[in-house]
Amino acid sequence: MARDLQELEDFLWEEFDAARKRHKDFIRDDCYSYSTDQHPHNYVVESREMLASLAGAIVAVRRERRVEKFAEDQQKIEEEIANGTRRDVMIGKPLKIKP
């Protein structure tokens, strides 16, 4: 699963870089000549929204990768505690805190 997420993140970065280049080229050209009275679109804003969507997808993939890594680390820690091989954690009585 981690490899699939890595490939997805790489793909999204490639798409983001290509979209950013297209956006810069589009800004450099006369972007307002593309809109007509029948189809009044603000292509600059639409392009920025697309870039924001791609960036949001990249963030979501990175967040998912961190969650998976955390879950794997947590499972490994729990196994080490159960086996008694973890040295930095001692299982003892719970602390009683006085109010």
C-alpha atoms as a PDB file:
ATOM      1  CA  MET A   1       0.000   0.000   0.000  1.00  0.00           C
ATOM      2  CA  ALA A   2       2.852   2.383   0.801  1.00  0.00           C
ATOM      3  CA  ARG A   3       4.289   1.877  -2.664  1.00  0.00           C
ATOM      4  CA  ASP A   4       0.929   2.649  -4.263  1.00  0.00           C
ATOM      5  CA  LEU A   5       0.684   5.856  -2.241  1.00  0.00           C
ATOM      6  CA  GLN A   6       4.247   6.804  -3.200  1.00  0.00           C
ATOM      7  CA  GLU A   7       3.470   6.243  -6.882  1.00  0.00           C
ATOM      8  CA  LEU A   8       0.281   8.270  -6.540  1.00  0.00           C
ATOM      9  CA  GLU A   9       2.153  11.118  -4.862  1.00  0.00           C
ATOM     10  CA  ASP A  10       4.813  11.086  -7.596  1.00  0.00           C
ATOM     11  CA  PHE A  11       2.106  11.167 -10.261  1.00  0.00           C
ATOM     12  CA  LEU A  12       0.308  14.045  -8.532  1.00  0.00           C
ATOM     13  CA  TRP A  13       3.555  16.020  -8.285  1.00  0.00           C
ATOM     14  CA  GLU A  14       4.184  15.503 -12.003  1.00  0.00           C
ATOM     15  CA  GLU A  15       0.665  16.677 -12.787  1.00  0.00           C
ATOM     16  CA  PHE A  16       1.046  19.654 -10.451  1.00  0.00           C
ATOM     17  CA  ASP A  17       4.321  20.722 -12.083  1.00  0.00           C
ATOM     18  CA  ALA A  18       2.802  20.395 -15.560  1.00  0.00           C
ATOM     19  CA  ALA A  19      -0.311  22.317 -14.515  1.00  0.00           C
ATOM     20  CA  ARG A  20       1.792  25.062 -12.950  1.00  0.00           C
ATOM     21  CA  LYS A  21       3.765  25.391 -16.192  1.00  0.00           C
ATOM     22  CA  ARG A  22       0.531  25.545 -18.206  1.00  0.00           C
ATOM     23  CA  HIS A  23      -0.808  28.160 -15.796  1.00  0.00           C
ATOM     24  CA  LYS A  24       2.293  30.334 -16.220  1.00  0.00           C
ATOM     25  CA  ASP A  25       2.112  29.998 -20.006  1.00  0.00           C
ATOM     26  CA  PHE A  26      -1.581  30.797 -19.916  1.00  0.00           C
ATOM     27  CA  ILE A  27      -0.982  33.932 -17.822  1.00  0.00           C
ATOM     28  CA  ARG A  28       1.785  35.020 -20.168  1.00  0.00           C
ATOM     29  CA  ASP A  29      -0.558  34.718 -23.148  1.00  0.00           C
ATOM     30  CA  ASP A  30      -3.675  36.815 -23.429  1.00  0.00           C
ATOM     31  CA  CYS A  31      -5.875  34.694 -21.203  1.00  0.00           C
ATOM     32  CA  TYR A  32      -8.890  36.981 -21.508  1.00  0.00           C
ATOM     33  CA  SER A  33      -9.176  36.481 -25.248  1.00  0.00           C
ATOM     34  CA  TYR A  34     -10.452  32.956 -24.600  1.00  0.00           C
ATOM     35  CA  SER A  35     -13.681  34.059 -22.959  1.00  0.00           C
ATOM     36  CA  THR A  36     -16.668  35.100 -25.010  1.00  0.00           C
ATOM     37  CA  ASP A  37     -20.048  36.551 -24.186  1.00  0.00           C
ATOM     38  CA  GLN A  38     -21.609  33.108 -24.488  1.00  0.00           C
ATOM     39  CA  HIS A  39     -19.006  31.444 -22.250  1.00  0.00           C
ATOM     40  CA  PRO A  40     -17.689  34.028 -19.801  1.00  0.00           C
ATOM     41  CA  HIS A  41     -15.133  32.061 -17.810  1.00  0.00           C
ATOM     42  CA  ASN A  42     -12.288  33.318 -15.732  1.00  0.00           C
ATOM     43  CA  TYR A  43      -9.710  30.758 -16.775  1.00  0.00           C
ATOM     44  CA  VAL A  44      -7.056  32.169 -14.470  1.00  0.00           C
ATOM     45  CA  VAL A  45      -9.216  31.501 -11.419  1.00  0.00           C
ATOM     46  CA  GLU A  46     -10.216  28.066 -12.718  1.00  0.00           C
ATOM     47  CA  SER A  47      -6.553  27.226 -13.266  1.00  0.00           C
ATOM     48  CA  ARG A  48      -5.694  28.317  -9.724  1.00  0.00           C
ATOM     49  CA  GLU A  49      -8.557  26.230  -8.350  1.00  0.00           C
ATOM     50  CA  MET A  50      -7.227  23.215 -10.241  1.00  0.00           C
ATOM     51  CA  LEU A  51      -3.755  23.795  -8.789  1.00  0.00           C
ATOM     52  CA  ALA A  52      -5.274  24.049  -5.319  1.00  0.00           C
ATOM     53  CA  SER A  53      -7.148  20.769  -5.851  1.00  0.00           C
ATOM     54  CA  LEU A  54      -3.958  19.002  -6.919  1.00  0.00           C
ATOM     55  CA  ALA A  55      -2.118  20.419  -3.913  1.00  0.00           C
ATOM     56  CA  GLY A  56      -4.926  19.227  -1.638  1.00  0.00           C
ATOM     57  CA  ALA A  57      -4.668  15.745  -3.132  1.00  0.00           C
ATOM     58  CA  ILE A  58      -0.910  15.708  -2.520  1.00  0.00           C
ATOM     59  CA  VAL A  59      -1.439  16.732   1.100  1.00  0.00           C
ATOM     60  CA  ALA A  60      -4.074  14.019   1.557  1.00  0.00           C
ATOM     61  CA  VAL A  61      -1.735  11.349   0.173  1.00  0.00           C
ATOM     62  CA  ARG A  62       1.087  12.496   2.435  1.00  0.00           C
ATOM     63  CA  ARG A  63      -1.239  12.461   5.427  1.00  0.00           C
ATOM     64  CA  GLU A  64      -2.363   8.927   4.574  1.00  0.00           C
ATOM     65  CA  ARG A  65       1.263   7.804   4.274  1.00  0.00           C
ATOM     66  CA  ARG A  66       2.029   9.269   7.711  1.00  0.00           C
ATOM     67  CA  VAL A  67      -0.990   7.514   9.210  1.00  0.00           C
ATOM     68  CA  GLU A  68       0.104   4.184   7.719  1.00  0.00           C
ATOM     69  CA  LYS A  69       3.659   4.679   8.998  1.00  0.00           C
ATOM     70  CA  PHE A  70       2.344   5.558  12.458  1.00  0.00           C
ATOM     71  CA  ALA A  71       0.107   2.463  12.484  1.00  0.00           C
ATOM     72  CA  GLU A  72       3.024   0.229  11.461  1.00  0.00           C
ATOM     73  CA  ASP A  73       5.268   1.735  14.139  1.00  0.00           C
ATOM     74  CA  GLN A  74       2.548   1.386  16.751  1.00  0.00           C
ATOM     75  CA  GLN A  75       1.962  -2.261  15.847  1.00  0.00           C
ATOM     76  CA  LYS A  76       5.692  -2.946  16.051  1.00  0.00           C
ATOM     77  CA  ILE A  77       5.893  -1.276  19.480  1.00  0.00           C
ATOM     78  CA  GLU A  78       2.913  -3.273  20.758  1.00  0.00           C
ATOM     79  CA  GLU A  79       4.495  -6.523  19.543  1.00  0.00           C
ATOM     80  CA  GLU A  80       7.784  -5.637  21.236  1.00  0.00           C
ATOM     81  CA  ILE A  81       5.990  -4.827  24.488  1.00  0.00           C
ATOM     82  CA  ALA A  82       4.033  -8.096  24.308  1.00  0.00           C
ATOM     83  CA  ASN A  83       7.246 -10.065  23.674  1.00  0.00           C
ATOM     84  CA  GLY A  84       9.137  -8.184  26.355  1.00  0.00           C
ATOM     85  CA  THR A  85      11.853  -7.134  23.920  1.00  0.00           C
ATOM     86  CA  ARG A  86      11.232  -3.418  24.200  1.00  0.00           C
ATOM     87  CA  ARG A  87      13.757  -1.921  26.606  1.00  0.00           C
ATOM     88  CA  ASP A  88      12.556   1.673  26.908  1.00  0.00           C
ATOM     89  CA  VAL A  89       9.081   0.745  28.201  1.00  0.00           C
ATOM     90  CA  MET A  90       8.437  -0.877  31.546  1.00  0.00           C
ATOM     91  CA  ILE A  91       5.097  -2.412  32.305  1.00  0.00           C
ATOM     92  CA  GLY A  92       4.234  -1.786  35.900  1.00  0.00           C
ATOM     93  CA  LYS A  93       1.449  -0.646  38.111  1.00  0.00           C
ATOM     94  CA  PRO A  94      -0.539   2.335  36.911  1.00  0.00           C
ATOM     95  CA  LEU A  95       0.302   5.602  38.578  1.00  0.00           C
ATOM     96  CA  LYS A  96      -2.127   6.962  41.102  1.00  0.00           C
ATOM     97  CA  ILE A  97      -2.432  10.691  40.946  1.00  0.00           C
ATOM     98  CA  LYS A  98      -3.794  12.418  44.000  1.00  0.00           C
ATOM     99  CA  PRO A  99      -6.321  15.170  43.360  1.00  0.00           C
END
